[in-house]
Amino acid sequence: MMIADLVDQDDLCQRLSLLGAPVVAEQDVMQMCETTARWLASADAASCQAVQQLLDELMAQQGLLHPDVLTALQAFLISEPVETRL
């Protein structure tokens, strides 16, 4: 495995931004996940479903996640399905 294959903070920021999450590159990965979790509390069903799909995809390939990204996802977004937070 090459280091370039790892999903890092920048990759996560880009993917979340594309889904409409109000994250910015200046945030660290924990702040991004916390911001996304807060955003999901009032996001529409389509956004929640898109984020859940991204999370499912990322968690299916945990070996490709930077350890900090995995920790942040587990702390703020993986503990329960996105839909149940609404």
Protein backbone atom coordinates (compact mmCIF):
# COMPACT_ATOMS: atom_id res chain seq x y z
CA MET A 1 0.00 0.00 0.00
CA MET A 2 1.27 3.45 -0.86
CA ILE A 3 0.88 6.41 1.47
CA ALA A 4 -0.92 8.28 -1.33
CA ASP A 5 -3.77 5.77 -1.01
CA LEU A 6 -4.58 6.85 2.56
CA VAL A 7 -7.70 8.93 3.09
CA ASP A 8 -6.36 11.87 5.06
CA GLN A 9 -7.81 15.07 6.48
CA ASP A 10 -7.73 16.88 3.13
CA ASP A 11 -9.49 14.01 1.36
CA LEU A 12 -12.18 13.87 4.03
CA CYS A 13 -12.70 17.64 3.89
CA GLN A 14 -13.13 17.51 0.13
CA ARG A 15 -15.58 14.61 0.26
CA LEU A 16 -17.68 16.16 3.02
CA SER A 17 -17.71 19.53 1.25
CA LEU A 18 -18.96 17.92 -1.94
CA LEU A 19 -21.90 16.57 0.06
CA GLY A 20 -22.74 20.03 1.41
CA ALA A 21 -21.23 19.78 4.88
CA PRO A 22 -19.99 23.19 6.07
CA VAL A 23 -16.39 22.13 6.66
CA VAL A 24 -13.28 24.11 5.79
CA ALA A 25 -9.69 23.08 5.25
CA GLU A 26 -8.56 25.14 8.24
CA GLN A 27 -10.38 22.79 10.61
CA ASP A 28 -8.64 19.74 11.98
CA VAL A 29 -10.25 16.39 11.30
CA MET A 30 -11.99 16.25 14.69
CA GLN A 31 -13.53 19.69 14.12
CA MET A 32 -14.66 18.62 10.63
CA CYS A 33 -16.44 15.57 11.96
CA GLU A 34 -18.01 17.51 14.82
CA THR A 35 -19.20 20.22 12.41
CA THR A 36 -20.62 17.57 10.11
CA ALA A 37 -22.45 15.87 12.97
CA ARG A 38 -24.03 19.19 14.01
CA TRP A 39 -24.96 19.94 10.40
CA LEU A 40 -26.59 16.52 10.01
CA ALA A 41 -28.92 17.28 12.91
CA SER A 42 -30.80 19.71 10.65
CA ALA A 43 -29.86 18.44 7.18
CA ASP A 44 -32.40 17.04 4.77
CA ALA A 45 -32.84 13.31 4.28
CA ALA A 46 -30.92 13.26 0.98
CA SER A 47 -27.87 14.85 2.61
CA CYS A 48 -28.02 12.44 5.53
CA GLN A 49 -28.27 9.51 3.15
CA ALA A 50 -25.32 10.77 1.10
CA VAL A 51 -23.16 11.16 4.22
CA GLN A 52 -24.19 7.70 5.44
CA GLN A 53 -23.20 6.24 2.07
CA LEU A 54 -19.81 7.96 2.30
CA LEU A 55 -19.30 6.65 5.83
CA ASP A 56 -20.23 3.12 4.75
CA GLU A 57 -17.73 3.36 1.89
CA LEU A 58 -14.96 4.67 4.13
CA MET A 59 -15.54 2.14 6.88
CA ALA A 60 -15.54 -0.71 4.36
CA GLN A 61 -11.94 0.27 3.62
CA GLN A 62 -10.72 1.13 7.12
CA GLY A 63 -7.20 0.09 6.21
CA LEU A 64 -7.03 3.06 3.85
CA LEU A 65 -8.05 5.62 6.48
CA HIS A 66 -5.43 7.74 8.19
CA PRO A 67 -5.61 6.83 11.91
CA ASP A 68 -6.69 10.38 12.84
CA VAL A 69 -9.53 10.24 10.30
CA LEU A 70 -10.73 6.89 11.63
CA THR A 71 -10.66 8.16 15.22
CA ALA A 72 -12.61 11.30 14.32
CA LEU A 73 -15.20 9.40 12.31
CA GLN A 74 -15.73 6.97 15.16
CA ALA A 75 -15.95 9.78 17.72
CA PHE A 76 -18.56 11.88 15.90
CA LEU A 77 -20.17 10.05 12.99
CA ILE A 78 -19.93 6.26 13.23
CA SER A 79 -21.38 5.61 16.68
CA GLU A 80 -24.91 5.43 15.27
CA PRO A 81 -26.47 5.60 11.81
CA VAL A 82 -26.85 9.16 10.52
CA GLU A 83 -30.61 8.79 10.03
CA THR A 84 -31.23 8.06 13.73
CA ARG A 85 -29.72 11.40 14.77
CA LEU A 86 -32.52 13.38 13.15
